N, C-alpha and C. Protein backbone atom coordinates (compact mmCIF):
# COMPACT_ATOMS: atom_id res chain seq x y z
N MET A 1 -2.80 -21.56 -6.36
CA MET A 1 -1.41 -20.82 -6.45
C MET A 1 -1.75 -19.44 -5.74
N VAL A 2 -0.71 -19.06 -4.80
CA VAL A 2 -1.11 -17.84 -4.31
C VAL A 2 -0.04 -16.79 -5.12
N ASP A 3 -0.70 -15.58 -5.03
CA ASP A 3 0.19 -14.45 -5.71
C ASP A 3 1.08 -13.96 -4.59
N ALA A 4 2.29 -14.01 -4.97
CA ALA A 4 3.43 -13.56 -3.90
C ALA A 4 3.62 -12.09 -3.90
N SER A 5 2.85 -11.24 -4.57
CA SER A 5 2.90 -9.77 -4.76
C SER A 5 1.73 -8.97 -4.21
N PRO A 6 1.60 -8.17 -3.60
CA PRO A 6 0.65 -7.28 -3.12
C PRO A 6 0.19 -6.19 -4.23
N PHE A 7 0.79 -6.43 -5.51
CA PHE A 7 0.66 -5.13 -6.56
C PHE A 7 -0.26 -6.38 -7.75
N ARG A 8 -1.15 -5.62 -7.90
CA ARG A 8 -2.00 -6.37 -9.15
C ARG A 8 -2.22 -5.10 -10.27
N ALA A 9 -1.86 -5.38 -11.55
CA ALA A 9 -2.24 -4.62 -12.72
C ALA A 9 -3.62 -4.68 -12.72
N VAL A 10 -4.27 -3.46 -13.02
CA VAL A 10 -5.70 -3.17 -13.56
C VAL A 10 -5.43 -2.38 -14.81
N ALA A 11 -6.63 -2.23 -15.55
CA ALA A 11 -6.82 -1.28 -16.75
C ALA A 11 -6.07 0.12 -16.64
N ASP A 12 -6.28 0.89 -15.46
CA ASP A 12 -5.93 1.93 -15.34
C ASP A 12 -5.08 2.53 -14.36
N GLY A 13 -4.32 1.26 -13.81
CA GLY A 13 -3.29 1.41 -12.81
C GLY A 13 -2.81 0.27 -12.19
N VAL A 14 -2.68 0.37 -10.92
CA VAL A 14 -2.20 -0.92 -9.99
C VAL A 14 -2.83 -0.73 -8.92
N ARG A 15 -3.55 -2.05 -8.11
CA ARG A 15 -4.28 -2.46 -7.14
C ARG A 15 -3.21 -2.90 -6.04
N ILE A 16 -3.17 -2.17 -4.82
CA ILE A 16 -2.34 -2.59 -3.82
C ILE A 16 -2.98 -3.13 -2.57
N ALA A 17 -2.62 -4.24 -2.30
CA ALA A 17 -3.17 -5.08 -0.95
C ALA A 17 -2.30 -4.40 0.22
N ILE A 18 -2.97 -3.77 1.25
CA ILE A 18 -2.27 -3.24 2.43
C ILE A 18 -2.79 -3.84 3.78
N ARG A 19 -1.94 -3.99 4.47
CA ARG A 19 -2.43 -4.28 5.83
C ARG A 19 -1.86 -3.24 6.79
N LEU A 20 -2.67 -2.45 7.34
CA LEU A 20 -2.47 -1.29 7.95
C LEU A 20 -2.36 -1.29 9.60
N THR A 21 -1.58 -0.63 10.28
CA THR A 21 -1.39 -0.51 11.46
C THR A 21 -1.38 0.80 12.10
N PRO A 22 -2.76 1.28 12.67
CA PRO A 22 -2.56 2.60 12.81
C PRO A 22 -2.02 2.84 14.37
N GLY A 23 -1.97 3.85 14.63
CA GLY A 23 -1.49 4.37 16.15
C GLY A 23 0.10 3.67 16.41
N ALA A 24 0.69 3.57 15.54
CA ALA A 24 2.36 2.79 15.80
C ALA A 24 3.00 3.92 16.26
N ARG A 25 4.21 3.57 16.83
CA ARG A 25 5.12 4.42 17.15
C ARG A 25 6.11 5.19 16.29
N ALA A 26 5.94 4.83 15.05
CA ALA A 26 6.54 5.51 13.83
C ALA A 26 5.80 5.08 12.67
N GLU A 27 5.98 5.93 11.70
CA GLU A 27 5.42 5.71 10.41
C GLU A 27 6.54 4.77 9.60
N ARG A 28 6.16 3.62 9.25
CA ARG A 28 7.26 2.90 8.25
C ARG A 28 6.28 1.68 7.27
N ILE A 29 7.04 1.37 6.47
CA ILE A 29 6.52 0.43 5.64
C ILE A 29 7.22 -0.88 6.08
N GLN A 30 6.70 -1.63 6.38
CA GLN A 30 7.23 -2.87 7.14
C GLN A 30 7.63 -4.28 6.20
N GLY A 31 7.29 -3.97 4.82
CA GLY A 31 7.69 -4.83 3.88
C GLY A 31 6.17 -5.77 3.52
N ILE A 32 6.76 -6.95 2.90
CA ILE A 32 5.69 -7.94 2.21
C ILE A 32 5.18 -8.93 3.38
N ALA A 33 4.16 -9.19 3.63
CA ALA A 33 3.50 -10.10 4.49
C ALA A 33 2.83 -11.05 3.78
N THR A 34 2.46 -12.52 4.41
CA THR A 34 1.40 -13.27 3.66
C THR A 34 0.32 -13.38 4.95
N GLU A 35 -0.92 -13.09 4.47
CA GLU A 35 -2.11 -13.23 5.44
C GLU A 35 -2.40 -14.84 5.72
N ALA A 36 -3.10 -14.90 6.35
CA ALA A 36 -3.75 -16.21 7.06
C ALA A 36 -4.23 -16.90 5.76
N ASP A 37 -5.03 -16.34 4.70
CA ASP A 37 -5.87 -16.83 3.47
C ASP A 37 -4.72 -16.70 2.59
N GLY A 38 -3.41 -16.41 2.86
CA GLY A 38 -2.58 -16.68 1.57
C GLY A 38 -2.11 -15.39 0.63
N THR A 39 -2.91 -14.18 1.03
CA THR A 39 -2.65 -13.00 0.45
C THR A 39 -1.59 -12.41 0.69
N ALA A 40 -0.81 -11.98 -0.48
CA ALA A 40 0.59 -11.11 -0.08
C ALA A 40 -0.06 -9.77 0.16
N VAL A 41 0.40 -9.06 1.14
CA VAL A 41 0.09 -7.74 1.59
C VAL A 41 1.16 -6.83 2.00
N LEU A 42 1.29 -5.61 1.48
CA LEU A 42 2.39 -4.65 2.02
C LEU A 42 1.99 -4.29 3.48
N ARG A 43 2.76 -4.43 4.55
CA ARG A 43 2.23 -4.15 5.67
C ARG A 43 2.95 -2.48 6.06
N VAL A 44 2.35 -1.88 6.49
CA VAL A 44 2.57 -0.38 6.73
C VAL A 44 1.90 0.19 8.12
N ALA A 45 2.89 0.73 8.93
CA ALA A 45 2.43 1.35 10.01
C ALA A 45 2.49 2.87 10.05
N VAL A 46 1.56 3.46 10.63
CA VAL A 46 1.21 4.83 10.72
C VAL A 46 0.99 5.25 11.95
N THR A 47 1.37 6.76 12.64
CA THR A 47 1.28 7.06 14.11
C THR A 47 -0.28 7.59 14.00
N ALA A 48 -0.91 8.01 12.91
CA ALA A 48 -2.42 8.40 13.24
C ALA A 48 -3.38 7.50 13.98
N PRO A 49 -4.21 7.96 14.88
CA PRO A 49 -5.19 7.12 14.98
C PRO A 49 -6.17 6.74 14.17
N PRO A 50 -6.79 5.38 14.20
CA PRO A 50 -7.93 5.03 13.24
C PRO A 50 -9.19 5.55 13.41
N GLU A 51 -9.00 6.88 13.53
CA GLU A 51 -10.65 7.71 13.66
C GLU A 51 -10.99 8.70 12.62
N ARG A 52 -11.58 8.98 12.16
CA ARG A 52 -12.28 9.92 11.12
C ARG A 52 -11.46 10.10 9.84
N GLY A 53 -10.79 8.78 9.70
CA GLY A 53 -10.03 8.45 8.41
C GLY A 53 -8.73 9.19 8.41
N ARG A 54 -8.07 9.60 9.65
CA ARG A 54 -6.80 9.99 9.70
C ARG A 54 -5.77 8.92 9.27
N ALA A 55 -5.96 7.71 9.89
CA ALA A 55 -5.09 6.57 9.30
C ALA A 55 -4.94 6.45 8.20
N ASN A 56 -6.13 6.50 7.29
CA ASN A 56 -6.17 6.31 5.75
C ASN A 56 -5.25 7.54 5.10
N ALA A 57 -5.44 8.68 5.57
CA ALA A 57 -4.99 9.79 5.06
C ALA A 57 -3.58 9.60 5.24
N ALA A 58 -3.02 9.50 6.52
CA ALA A 58 -1.48 9.41 6.89
C ALA A 58 -1.02 8.02 5.74
N LEU A 59 -1.74 7.00 5.68
CA LEU A 59 -1.29 5.88 4.63
C LEU A 59 -1.04 6.35 3.36
N ILE A 60 -1.88 7.22 2.65
CA ILE A 60 -1.53 7.64 1.31
C ILE A 60 -0.50 8.60 1.34
N ARG A 61 -0.47 9.39 2.49
CA ARG A 61 0.80 10.43 2.43
C ARG A 61 2.00 9.66 2.59
N LEU A 62 2.20 8.84 3.34
CA LEU A 62 3.49 7.95 3.33
C LEU A 62 3.78 7.32 2.08
N LEU A 63 2.85 6.47 1.57
CA LEU A 63 3.30 5.91 0.31
C LEU A 63 3.47 6.68 -0.85
N ALA A 64 2.93 7.96 -0.98
CA ALA A 64 3.31 9.02 -2.08
C ALA A 64 4.48 9.48 -1.69
N LYS A 65 4.76 9.98 -0.49
CA LYS A 65 6.37 10.36 -0.18
C LYS A 65 7.33 9.44 -0.73
N ARG A 66 6.90 8.24 -0.13
CA ARG A 66 8.35 7.17 -0.39
C ARG A 66 8.21 6.73 -2.00
N TRP A 67 7.27 6.86 -2.72
CA TRP A 67 7.35 6.53 -3.94
C TRP A 67 7.48 7.62 -4.94
N ARG A 68 7.47 8.74 -4.39
CA ARG A 68 7.60 9.86 -5.11
C ARG A 68 6.79 10.17 -6.12
N LEU A 69 5.48 10.20 -5.77
CA LEU A 69 4.26 10.33 -6.63
C LEU A 69 3.17 11.16 -5.89
N PRO A 70 2.56 11.76 -6.56
CA PRO A 70 1.41 12.69 -6.04
C PRO A 70 0.30 12.02 -5.16
N LYS A 71 0.10 12.68 -4.34
CA LYS A 71 -0.90 12.04 -3.10
C LYS A 71 -2.44 11.85 -3.99
N THR A 72 -2.49 12.46 -5.20
CA THR A 72 -3.75 12.47 -5.91
C THR A 72 -3.78 11.31 -6.73
N SER A 73 -2.63 10.60 -7.17
CA SER A 73 -2.66 9.21 -7.69
C SER A 73 -2.88 8.02 -7.20
N LEU A 74 -3.06 8.36 -5.56
CA LEU A 74 -3.52 7.10 -4.53
C LEU A 74 -5.08 7.35 -4.34
N ALA A 75 -5.65 6.18 -4.09
CA ALA A 75 -7.27 6.35 -3.83
C ALA A 75 -7.39 5.09 -3.01
N LEU A 76 -8.22 5.19 -2.02
CA LEU A 76 -8.74 4.16 -1.22
C LEU A 76 -9.73 3.41 -1.76
N VAL A 77 -9.64 2.26 -2.28
CA VAL A 77 -10.92 1.49 -3.09
C VAL A 77 -11.75 0.72 -1.95
N SER A 78 -11.15 0.20 -1.08
CA SER A 78 -11.79 -0.68 -0.10
C SER A 78 -11.12 -0.91 1.22
N GLY A 79 -11.82 -0.93 2.22
CA GLY A 79 -11.24 -1.40 3.86
C GLY A 79 -11.01 0.19 4.60
N ALA A 80 -12.03 1.11 4.28
CA ALA A 80 -11.85 2.16 5.03
C ALA A 80 -11.70 2.18 6.50
N ALA A 81 -12.58 1.19 7.03
CA ALA A 81 -12.72 0.96 8.41
C ALA A 81 -12.09 -0.19 8.85
N GLN A 82 -11.32 -0.78 8.01
CA GLN A 82 -10.46 -1.93 8.45
C GLN A 82 -9.14 -1.99 8.26
N ARG A 83 -8.31 -2.77 8.85
CA ARG A 83 -6.87 -2.99 8.72
C ARG A 83 -6.49 -3.73 7.24
N ARG A 84 -6.92 -4.27 6.86
CA ARG A 84 -6.89 -4.67 5.46
C ARG A 84 -7.49 -3.70 4.48
N LYS A 85 -6.76 -3.12 3.44
CA LYS A 85 -7.35 -1.95 2.77
C LYS A 85 -6.65 -2.59 1.27
N THR A 86 -7.50 -2.04 0.16
CA THR A 86 -7.15 -2.10 -1.01
C THR A 86 -6.96 -0.68 -1.66
N LEU A 87 -5.48 0.12 -2.26
CA LEU A 87 -5.30 1.21 -2.82
C LEU A 87 -5.28 0.85 -4.29
N HIS A 88 -5.75 2.14 -4.81
CA HIS A 88 -5.63 2.18 -6.24
C HIS A 88 -4.46 3.27 -6.67
N LEU A 89 -3.42 2.73 -7.43
CA LEU A 89 -2.62 3.84 -7.76
C LEU A 89 -2.76 4.06 -9.41
N ALA A 90 -3.04 5.39 -9.90
CA ALA A 90 -3.25 5.35 -11.02
C ALA A 90 -2.25 5.82 -12.06
N GLY A 91 -2.23 5.29 -13.25
CA GLY A 91 -1.19 5.55 -14.36
C GLY A 91 -1.14 4.15 -15.04
N LYS A 92 -0.19 3.99 -15.93
CA LYS A 92 0.12 3.05 -16.94
C LYS A 92 0.70 1.86 -16.16
N PRO A 93 -0.05 0.71 -16.12
CA PRO A 93 0.28 -0.62 -15.09
C PRO A 93 1.60 -0.69 -15.35
N GLU A 94 2.15 -1.03 -16.36
CA GLU A 94 3.48 -1.78 -16.86
C GLU A 94 4.42 -0.72 -16.06
N ALA A 95 4.36 0.55 -16.28
CA ALA A 95 5.45 1.43 -15.79
C ALA A 95 5.30 1.42 -14.41
N LEU A 96 4.11 1.66 -13.76
CA LEU A 96 3.99 1.47 -12.15
C LEU A 96 4.69 0.11 -11.64
N LEU A 97 4.13 -1.00 -12.22
CA LEU A 97 4.77 -2.08 -11.64
C LEU A 97 5.99 -2.03 -11.66
N ALA A 98 6.81 -1.66 -12.84
CA ALA A 98 8.11 -1.82 -12.89
C ALA A 98 8.59 -0.86 -11.78
N ARG A 99 8.24 0.12 -11.71
CA ARG A 99 8.83 1.17 -10.47
C ARG A 99 8.41 0.69 -9.06
N LEU A 100 7.38 -0.14 -8.94
CA LEU A 100 7.18 -0.77 -7.64
C LEU A 100 8.01 -1.91 -7.59
N GLN A 101 8.17 -2.46 -8.22
CA GLN A 101 9.19 -3.78 -8.43
C GLN A 101 10.36 -3.22 -7.84
N SER A 102 11.29 -2.30 -8.65
CA SER A 102 12.46 -1.58 -8.43
C SER A 102 12.48 -1.15 -6.84
N TRP A 103 11.59 -0.61 -6.42
CA TRP A 103 11.24 -0.22 -4.90
C TRP A 103 11.33 -1.26 -4.04
N LEU A 104 10.75 -2.37 -4.34
CA LEU A 104 10.65 -3.80 -3.42
C LEU A 104 12.11 -4.02 -3.27
N GLU A 105 12.83 -3.99 -4.28
CA GLU A 105 14.24 -4.62 -4.18
C GLU A 105 14.91 -3.75 -3.29
N GLU A 106 14.79 -2.67 -3.51
CA GLU A 106 15.73 -1.45 -2.64
C GLU A 106 15.18 -1.70 -1.12
N ILE A 107 14.09 -2.01 -1.03
CA ILE A 107 13.72 -2.28 0.50
C ILE A 107 14.29 -3.62 1.19
N ASP A 108 14.32 -4.46 0.21
CA ASP A 108 14.73 -5.88 0.60
C ASP A 108 16.26 -5.80 1.06
N ASP A 109 16.85 -4.84 0.26
CA ASP A 109 18.23 -4.87 0.61
C ASP A 109 18.95 -4.52 1.96
């Protein structure tokens, strides 16, 4: 069975599976997509180039702004030099998952 959500609760927060497109024309969150291996990811595009961590920093800035959270609550866990990344969002998992689910419903409308 495949998990249809890019969000996964962990002891100290939520892990988020990301598919990042650097060097895009506009910064935007493109929604949920399913990768070839069946993993659900949050597709995000940023205008920053994929060099010296610029795209990763832009990703964190964009998500923090859209989710109205401090940038320090988001950290890159894996995939620094890859398009597929895992971010950690620090906080209480239940509250964060509820907030993210509510946000997902808004972007689906």
